[in-house]
Amino acid sequence: VKRMVIATLAESGMNLSDDVVENIIDKTFDEADTKQDGKIDKEEWRSMVLQHPSLLKNVTLQYLKDITTAFPSFVFHSQ
């Protein structure tokens, strides 16, 4: 996830330190994982997107195709 966030930020011209990136990831996960079970389920994701609609710009099919090509280990698994 960290590599993906760094790549996304770099595309926007933002080069942040590792500490700042880790802080962003931690705070975002803490906010999204309202059940505090170590996972972000569909309900939690929906709530997060409703609070922050700009998140959707990074989950278009083309964007996800590009990111999974660049980072093959970043693959979504659904149950």
PDB file of N, CA and C in Angstrom:
ATOM      1  N   VAL A   1       0.835  -1.184   0.000  1.00  0.00           N
ATOM      2  CA  VAL A   1       0.000   0.000   0.000  1.00  0.00           C
ATOM      3  C   VAL A   1       0.880   1.248   0.000  1.00  0.00           C
ATOM      4  N   LYS A   2       1.960   1.200   0.782  1.00  0.00           N
ATOM      5  CA  LYS A   2       2.844   2.370   0.868  1.00  0.00           C
ATOM      6  C   LYS A   2       3.421   2.723  -0.500  1.00  0.00           C
ATOM      7  N   ARG A   3       3.870   1.715  -1.256  1.00  0.00           N
ATOM      8  CA  ARG A   3       4.425   1.990  -2.591  1.00  0.00           C
ATOM      9  C   ARG A   3       3.376   2.596  -3.500  1.00  0.00           C
ATOM     10  N   MET A   4       2.139   2.117  -3.388  1.00  0.00           N
ATOM     11  CA  MET A   4       1.058   2.652  -4.211  1.00  0.00           C
ATOM     12  C   MET A   4       0.793   4.112  -3.851  1.00  0.00           C
ATOM     13  N   VAL A   5       0.762   4.427  -2.558  1.00  0.00           N
ATOM     14  CA  VAL A   5       0.517   5.801  -2.126  1.00  0.00           C
ATOM     15  C   VAL A   5       1.645   6.713  -2.596  1.00  0.00           C
ATOM     16  N   ILE A   6       2.879   6.257  -2.475  1.00  0.00           N
ATOM     17  CA  ILE A   6       4.020   7.054  -2.934  1.00  0.00           C
ATOM     18  C   ILE A   6       3.925   7.314  -4.430  1.00  0.00           C
ATOM     19  N   ALA A   7       3.572   6.285  -5.204  1.00  0.00           N
ATOM     20  CA  ALA A   7       3.439   6.449  -6.661  1.00  0.00           C
ATOM     21  C   ALA A   7       2.322   7.420  -7.002  1.00  0.00           C
ATOM     22  N   THR A   8       1.194   7.313  -6.302  1.00  0.00           N
ATOM     23  CA  THR A   8       0.062   8.208  -6.541  1.00  0.00           C
ATOM     24  C   THR A   8       0.442   9.650  -6.218  1.00  0.00           C
ATOM     25  N   LEU A   9       1.112   9.841  -5.105  1.00  0.00           N
ATOM     26  CA  LEU A   9       1.547  11.194  -4.722  1.00  0.00           C
ATOM     27  C   LEU A   9       2.562  11.729  -5.726  1.00  0.00           C
ATOM     28  N   ALA A  10       3.479  10.887  -6.178  1.00  0.00           N
ATOM     29  CA  ALA A  10       4.491  11.316  -7.146  1.00  0.00           C
ATOM     30  C   ALA A  10       3.848  11.762  -8.452  1.00  0.00           C
ATOM     31  N   GLU A  11       2.778  11.066  -8.876  1.00  0.00           N
ATOM     32  CA  GLU A  11       2.067  11.466 -10.093  1.00  0.00           C
ATOM     33  C   GLU A  11       1.489  12.863  -9.958  1.00  0.00           C
ATOM     34  N   SER A  12       1.191  13.254  -8.730  1.00  0.00           N
ATOM     35  CA  SER A  12       0.649  14.587  -8.467  1.00  0.00           C
ATOM     36  C   SER A  12       1.751  15.590  -8.166  1.00  0.00           C
ATOM     37  N   GLY A  13       2.994  15.161  -8.280  1.00  0.00           N
ATOM     38  CA  GLY A  13       4.111  16.047  -8.015  1.00  0.00           C
ATOM     39  C   GLY A  13       4.412  16.234  -6.536  1.00  0.00           C
ATOM     40  N   MET A  14       3.903  15.343  -5.708  1.00  0.00           N
ATOM     41  CA  MET A  14       4.125  15.450  -4.267  1.00  0.00           C
ATOM     42  C   MET A  14       5.111  14.373  -3.820  1.00  0.00           C
ATOM     43  N   ASN A  15       6.267  14.794  -3.383  1.00  0.00           N
ATOM     44  CA  ASN A  15       7.267  13.862  -2.879  1.00  0.00           C
ATOM     45  C   ASN A  15       7.398  14.082  -1.380  1.00  0.00           C
ATOM     46  N   LEU A  16       6.807  13.184  -0.617  1.00  0.00           N
ATOM     47  CA  LEU A  16       6.776  13.313   0.831  1.00  0.00           C
ATOM     48  C   LEU A  16       7.706  12.294   1.472  1.00  0.00           C
ATOM     49  N   SER A  17       8.153  12.594   2.670  1.00  0.00           N
ATOM     50  CA  SER A  17       9.028  11.666   3.382  1.00  0.00           C
ATOM     51  C   SER A  17       8.270  10.393   3.739  1.00  0.00           C
ATOM     52  N   ASP A  18       9.027   9.326   4.003  1.00  0.00           N
ATOM     53  CA  ASP A  18       8.410   8.052   4.395  1.00  0.00           C
ATOM     54  C   ASP A  18       7.557   8.210   5.642  1.00  0.00           C
ATOM     55  N   ASP A  19       8.033   9.005   6.589  1.00  0.00           N
ATOM     56  CA  ASP A  19       7.268   9.211   7.829  1.00  0.00           C
ATOM     57  C   ASP A  19       5.915   9.845   7.551  1.00  0.00           C
ATOM     58  N   VAL A  20       5.887  10.825   6.667  1.00  0.00           N
ATOM     59  CA  VAL A  20       4.628  11.511   6.340  1.00  0.00           C
ATOM     60  C   VAL A  20       3.690  10.552   5.616  1.00  0.00           C
ATOM     61  N   VAL A  21       4.218   9.777   4.680  1.00  0.00           N
ATOM     62  CA  VAL A  21       3.397   8.809   3.945  1.00  0.00           C
ATOM     63  C   VAL A  21       2.814   7.771   4.904  1.00  0.00           C
ATOM     64  N   GLU A  22       3.637   7.246   5.801  1.00  0.00           N
ATOM     65  CA  GLU A  22       3.145   6.267   6.766  1.00  0.00           C
ATOM     66  C   GLU A  22       2.080   6.878   7.673  1.00  0.00           C
ATOM     67  N   ASN A  23       2.257   8.131   8.040  1.00  0.00           N
ATOM     68  CA  ASN A  23       1.267   8.826   8.864  1.00  0.00           C
ATOM     69  C   ASN A  23      -0.059   8.961   8.112  1.00  0.00           C
ATOM     70  N   ILE A  24       0.002   9.307   6.836  1.00  0.00           N
ATOM     71  CA  ILE A  24      -1.202   9.430   6.006  1.00  0.00           C
ATOM     72  C   ILE A  24      -1.920   8.082   5.942  1.00  0.00           C
ATOM     73  N   ILE A  25      -1.176   7.015   5.684  1.00  0.00           N
ATOM     74  CA  ILE A  25      -1.769   5.680   5.585  1.00  0.00           C
ATOM     75  C   ILE A  25      -2.400   5.281   6.911  1.00  0.00           C
ATOM     76  N   ASP A  26      -1.675   5.478   7.995  1.00  0.00           N
ATOM     77  CA  ASP A  26      -2.188   5.104   9.319  1.00  0.00           C
ATOM     78  C   ASP A  26      -3.460   5.866   9.671  1.00  0.00           C
ATOM     79  N   LYS A  27      -3.453   7.166   9.448  1.00  0.00           N
ATOM     80  CA  LYS A  27      -4.623   7.980   9.792  1.00  0.00           C
ATOM     81  C   LYS A  27      -5.821   7.622   8.913  1.00  0.00           C
ATOM     82  N   THR A  28      -5.566   7.392   7.629  1.00  0.00           N
ATOM     83  CA  THR A  28      -6.648   7.017   6.718  1.00  0.00           C
ATOM     84  C   THR A  28      -7.238   5.677   7.130  1.00  0.00           C
ATOM     85  N   PHE A  29      -6.374   4.709   7.434  1.00  0.00           N
ATOM     86  CA  PHE A  29      -6.863   3.395   7.840  1.00  0.00           C
ATOM     87  C   PHE A  29      -7.625   3.484   9.157  1.00  0.00           C
ATOM     88  N   ASP A  30      -7.083   4.257  10.096  1.00  0.00           N
ATOM     89  CA  ASP A  30      -7.774   4.422  11.381  1.00  0.00           C
ATOM     90  C   ASP A  30      -9.170   5.003  11.192  1.00  0.00           C
ATOM     91  N   GLU A  31      -9.293   5.953  10.281  1.00  0.00           N
ATOM     92  CA  GLU A  31     -10.605   6.568  10.027  1.00  0.00           C
ATOM     93  C   GLU A  31     -11.552   5.598   9.330  1.00  0.00           C
ATOM     94  N   ALA A  32     -11.029   4.842   8.377  1.00  0.00           N
ATOM     95  CA  ALA A  32     -11.886   3.957   7.585  1.00  0.00           C
ATOM     96  C   ALA A  32     -12.278   2.689   8.340  1.00  0.00           C
ATOM     97  N   ASP A  33     -11.383   2.141   9.129  1.00  0.00           N
ATOM     98  CA  ASP A  33     -11.624   0.873   9.822  1.00  0.00           C
ATOM     99  C   ASP A  33     -12.400   1.120  11.115  1.00  0.00           C
ATOM    100  N   THR A  34     -13.658   1.507  10.955  1.00  0.00           N
ATOM    101  CA  THR A  34     -14.481   1.868  12.113  1.00  0.00           C
ATOM    102  C   THR A  34     -14.801   0.680  13.015  1.00  0.00           C
ATOM    103  N   LYS A  35     -14.760  -0.528  12.455  1.00  0.00           N
ATOM    104  CA  LYS A  35     -15.013  -1.732  13.263  1.00  0.00           C
ATOM    105  C   LYS A  35     -13.752  -2.193  13.995  1.00  0.00           C
ATOM    106  N   GLN A  36     -12.637  -1.570  13.649  1.00  0.00           N
ATOM    107  CA  GLN A  36     -11.337  -1.870  14.254  1.00  0.00           C
ATOM    108  C   GLN A  36     -11.014  -3.361  14.242  1.00  0.00           C
ATOM    109  N   ASP A  37     -11.259  -3.967  13.065  1.00  0.00           N
ATOM    110  CA  ASP A  37     -10.961  -5.389  12.914  1.00  0.00           C
ATOM    111  C   ASP A  37      -9.761  -5.630  12.003  1.00  0.00           C
ATOM    112  N   GLY A  38      -9.054  -4.553  11.649  1.00  0.00           N
ATOM    113  CA  GLY A  38      -7.880  -4.684  10.795  1.00  0.00           C
ATOM    114  C   GLY A  38      -8.195  -4.796   9.320  1.00  0.00           C
ATOM    115  N   LYS A  39      -9.461  -4.598   8.957  1.00  0.00           N
ATOM    116  CA  LYS A  39      -9.901  -4.691   7.564  1.00  0.00           C
ATOM    117  C   LYS A  39     -10.820  -3.513   7.258  1.00  0.00           C
ATOM    118  N   ILE A  40     -10.905  -3.185   5.985  1.00  0.00           N
ATOM    119  CA  ILE A  40     -11.875  -2.182   5.539  1.00  0.00           C
ATOM    120  C   ILE A  40     -12.875  -2.928   4.663  1.00  0.00           C
ATOM    121  N   ASP A  41     -14.085  -3.133   5.192  1.00  0.00           N
ATOM    122  CA  ASP A  41     -15.100  -3.856   4.430  1.00  0.00           C
ATOM    123  C   ASP A  41     -15.899  -2.884   3.556  1.00  0.00           C
ATOM    124  N   LYS A  42     -16.844  -3.439   2.802  1.00  0.00           N
ATOM    125  CA  LYS A  42     -17.621  -2.614   1.866  1.00  0.00           C
ATOM    126  C   LYS A  42     -18.383  -1.497   2.575  1.00  0.00           C
ATOM    127  N   GLU A  43     -18.952  -1.788   3.714  1.00  0.00           N
ATOM    128  CA  GLU A  43     -19.706  -0.789   4.474  1.00  0.00           C
ATOM    129  C   GLU A  43     -18.794   0.352   4.943  1.00  0.00           C
ATOM    130  N   GLU A  44     -17.619  -0.005   5.439  1.00  0.00           N
ATOM    131  CA  GLU A  44     -16.661   1.009   5.895  1.00  0.00           C
ATOM    132  C   GLU A  44     -16.148   1.841   4.710  1.00  0.00           C
ATOM    133  N   TRP A  45     -15.897   1.171   3.579  1.00  0.00           N
ATOM    134  CA  TRP A  45     -15.432   1.877   2.382  1.00  0.00           C
ATOM    135  C   TRP A  45     -16.499   2.868   1.908  1.00  0.00           C
ATOM    136  N   ARG A  46     -17.744   2.412   1.879  1.00  0.00           N
ATOM    137  CA  ARG A  46     -18.844   3.278   1.443  1.00  0.00           C
ATOM    138  C   ARG A  46     -18.939   4.506   2.337  1.00  0.00           C
ATOM    139  N   SER A  47     -18.853   4.310   3.626  1.00  0.00           N
ATOM    140  CA  SER A  47     -18.916   5.419   4.568  1.00  0.00           C
ATOM    141  C   SER A  47     -17.760   6.398   4.337  1.00  0.00           C
ATOM    142  N   MET A  48     -16.573   5.857   4.114  1.00  0.00           N
ATOM    143  CA  MET A  48     -15.397   6.700   3.874  1.00  0.00           C
ATOM    144  C   MET A  48     -15.575   7.521   2.596  1.00  0.00           C
ATOM    145  N   VAL A  49     -16.057   6.871   1.537  1.00  0.00           N
ATOM    146  CA  VAL A  49     -16.255   7.569   0.263  1.00  0.00           C
ATOM    147  C   VAL A  49     -17.342   8.642   0.379  1.00  0.00           C
ATOM    148  N   LEU A  50     -18.391   8.355   1.130  1.00  0.00           N
ATOM    149  CA  LEU A  50     -19.432   9.363   1.331  1.00  0.00           C
ATOM    150  C   LEU A  50     -18.883  10.584   2.057  1.00  0.00           C
ATOM    151  N   GLN A  51     -17.946  10.363   2.964  1.00  0.00           N
ATOM    152  CA  GLN A  51     -17.329  11.473   3.686  1.00  0.00           C
ATOM    153  C   GLN A  51     -16.274  12.194   2.847  1.00  0.00           C
ATOM    154  N   HIS A  52     -15.635  11.452   1.937  1.00  0.00           N
ATOM    155  CA  HIS A  52     -14.542  11.990   1.118  1.00  0.00           C
ATOM    156  C   HIS A  52     -14.729  11.555  -0.338  1.00  0.00           C
ATOM    157  N   PRO A  53     -15.685  12.163  -1.068  1.00  0.00           N
ATOM    158  CA  PRO A  53     -15.990  11.725  -2.436  1.00  0.00           C
ATOM    159  C   PRO A  53     -14.802  11.777  -3.403  1.00  0.00           C
ATOM    160  N   SER A  54     -13.809  12.592  -3.125  1.00  0.00           N
ATOM    161  CA  SER A  54     -12.663  12.689  -4.033  1.00  0.00           C
ATOM    162  C   SER A  54     -11.860  11.383  -4.085  1.00  0.00           C
ATOM    163  N   LEU A  55     -12.071  10.484  -3.139  1.00  0.00           N
ATOM    164  CA  LEU A  55     -11.394   9.183  -3.171  1.00  0.00           C
ATOM    165  C   LEU A  55     -11.733   8.409  -4.443  1.00  0.00           C
ATOM    166  N   LEU A  56     -12.925   8.630  -4.963  1.00  0.00           N
ATOM    167  CA  LEU A  56     -13.372   7.864  -6.127  1.00  0.00           C
ATOM    168  C   LEU A  56     -12.547   8.118  -7.374  1.00  0.00           C
ATOM    169  N   LYS A  57     -11.910   9.270  -7.470  1.00  0.00           N
ATOM    170  CA  LYS A  57     -11.111   9.537  -8.670  1.00  0.00           C
ATOM    171  C   LYS A  57      -9.964   8.547  -8.817  1.00  0.00           C
ATOM    172  N   ASN A  58      -9.521   7.955  -7.700  1.00  0.00           N
ATOM    173  CA  ASN A  58      -8.423   7.002  -7.755  1.00  0.00           C
ATOM    174  C   ASN A  58      -8.871   5.552  -7.854  1.00  0.00           C
ATOM    175  N   VAL A  59     -10.147   5.320  -8.033  1.00  0.00           N
ATOM    176  CA  VAL A  59     -10.621   3.944  -8.165  1.00  0.00           C
ATOM    177  C   VAL A  59     -11.393   3.722  -9.456  1.00  0.00           C
ATOM    178  N   THR A  60     -11.055   4.481 -10.490  1.00  0.00           N
ATOM    179  CA  THR A  60     -11.637   4.212 -11.801  1.00  0.00           C
ATOM    180  C   THR A  60     -11.001   2.935 -12.345  1.00  0.00           C
ATOM    181  N   LEU A  61     -11.660   2.275 -13.274  1.00  0.00           N
ATOM    182  CA  LEU A  61     -11.116   1.039 -13.828  1.00  0.00           C
ATOM    183  C   LEU A  61      -9.749   1.258 -14.466  1.00  0.00           C
ATOM    184  N   GLN A  62      -9.579   2.345 -15.218  1.00  0.00           N
ATOM    185  CA  GLN A  62      -8.280   2.589 -15.852  1.00  0.00           C
ATOM    186  C   GLN A  62      -7.200   2.808 -14.804  1.00  0.00           C
ATOM    187  N   TYR A  63      -7.523   3.575 -13.771  1.00  0.00           N
ATOM    188  CA  TYR A  63      -6.536   3.826 -12.716  1.00  0.00           C
ATOM    189  C   TYR A  63      -6.151   2.512 -12.029  1.00  0.00           C
ATOM    190  N   LEU A  64      -7.140   1.686 -11.688  1.00  0.00           N
ATOM    191  CA  LEU A  64      -6.840   0.419 -11.040  1.00  0.00           C
ATOM    192  C   LEU A  64      -6.039  -0.503 -11.953  1.00  0.00           C
ATOM    193  N   LYS A  65      -6.330  -0.478 -13.253  1.00  0.00           N
ATOM    194  CA  LYS A  65      -5.552  -1.275 -14.204  1.00  0.00           C
ATOM    195  C   LYS A  65      -4.104  -0.800 -14.216  1.00  0.00           C
ATOM    196  N   ASP A  66      -3.916   0.511 -14.250  1.00  0.00           N
ATOM    197  CA  ASP A  66      -2.561   1.067 -14.259  1.00  0.00           C
ATOM    198  C   ASP A  66      -1.806   0.723 -12.982  1.00  0.00           C
ATOM    199  N   ILE A  67      -2.467   0.861 -11.836  1.00  0.00           N
ATOM    200  CA  ILE A  67      -1.787   0.627 -10.558  1.00  0.00           C
ATOM    201  C   ILE A  67      -1.465  -0.849 -10.359  1.00  0.00           C
ATOM    202  N   THR A  68      -2.352  -1.758 -10.820  1.00  0.00           N
ATOM    203  CA  THR A  68      -2.050  -3.178 -10.675  1.00  0.00           C
ATOM    204  C   THR A  68      -0.989  -3.629 -11.665  1.00  0.00           C
ATOM    205  N   THR A  69      -0.859  -2.931 -12.778  1.00  0.00           N
ATOM    206  CA  THR A  69       0.227  -3.220 -13.713  1.00  0.00           C
ATOM    207  C   THR A  69       1.556  -2.775 -13.114  1.00  0.00           C
ATOM    208  N   ALA A  70       1.552  -1.595 -12.514  1.00  0.00           N
ATOM    209  CA  ALA A  70       2.769  -1.066 -11.907  1.00  0.00           C
ATOM    210  C   ALA A  70       3.145  -1.812 -10.629  1.00  0.00           C
ATOM    211  N   PHE A  71       2.143  -2.260  -9.891  1.00  0.00           N
ATOM    212  CA  PHE A  71       2.367  -2.945  -8.614  1.00  0.00           C
ATOM    213  C   PHE A  71       1.580  -4.251  -8.606  1.00  0.00           C
ATOM    214  N   PRO A  72       2.121  -5.304  -9.225  1.00  0.00           N
ATOM    215  CA  PRO A  72       1.380  -6.569  -9.334  1.00  0.00           C
ATOM    216  C   PRO A  72       0.944  -7.150  -7.987  1.00  0.00           C
ATOM    217  N   SER A  73       1.638  -6.819  -6.915  1.00  0.00           N
ATOM    218  CA  SER A  73       1.241  -7.377  -5.618  1.00  0.00           C
ATOM    219  C   SER A  73       0.009  -6.690  -5.059  1.00  0.00           C
ATOM    220  N   PHE A  74      -0.399  -5.574  -5.678  1.00  0.00           N
ATOM    221  CA  PHE A  74      -1.583  -4.854  -5.229  1.00  0.00           C
ATOM    222  C   PHE A  74      -2.774  -5.358  -6.006  1.00  0.00           C
ATOM    223  N   VAL A  75      -3.379  -6.427  -5.533  1.00  0.00           N
ATOM    224  CA  VAL A  75      -4.509  -7.040  -6.212  1.00  0.00           C
ATOM    225  C   VAL A  75      -5.667  -7.128  -5.220  1.00  0.00           C
ATOM    226  N   PHE A  76      -6.839  -6.744  -5.688  1.00  0.00           N
ATOM    227  CA  PHE A  76      -8.024  -6.818  -4.836  1.00  0.00           C
ATOM    228  C   PHE A  76      -8.528  -8.246  -4.785  1.00  0.00           C
ATOM    229  N   HIS A  77      -8.855  -8.694  -3.610  1.00  0.00           N
ATOM    230  CA  HIS A  77      -9.461 -10.013  -3.429  1.00  0.00           C
ATOM    231  C   HIS A  77     -10.824  -9.796  -2.794  1.00  0.00           C
ATOM    232  N   SER A  78     -11.855 -10.393  -3.365  1.00  0.00           N
ATOM    233  CA  SER A  78     -13.190 -10.260  -2.783  1.00  0.00           C
ATOM    234  C   SER A  78     -13.648 -11.629  -2.315  1.00  0.00           C
ATOM    235  N   GLN A  79     -14.539 -11.592  -1.347  1.00  0.00           N
ATOM    236  CA  GLN A  79     -15.054 -12.839  -0.800  1.00  0.00           C
ATOM    237  C   GLN A  79     -16.440 -13.084  -1.315  1.00  0.00           C
TER     238      GLN A  79
END
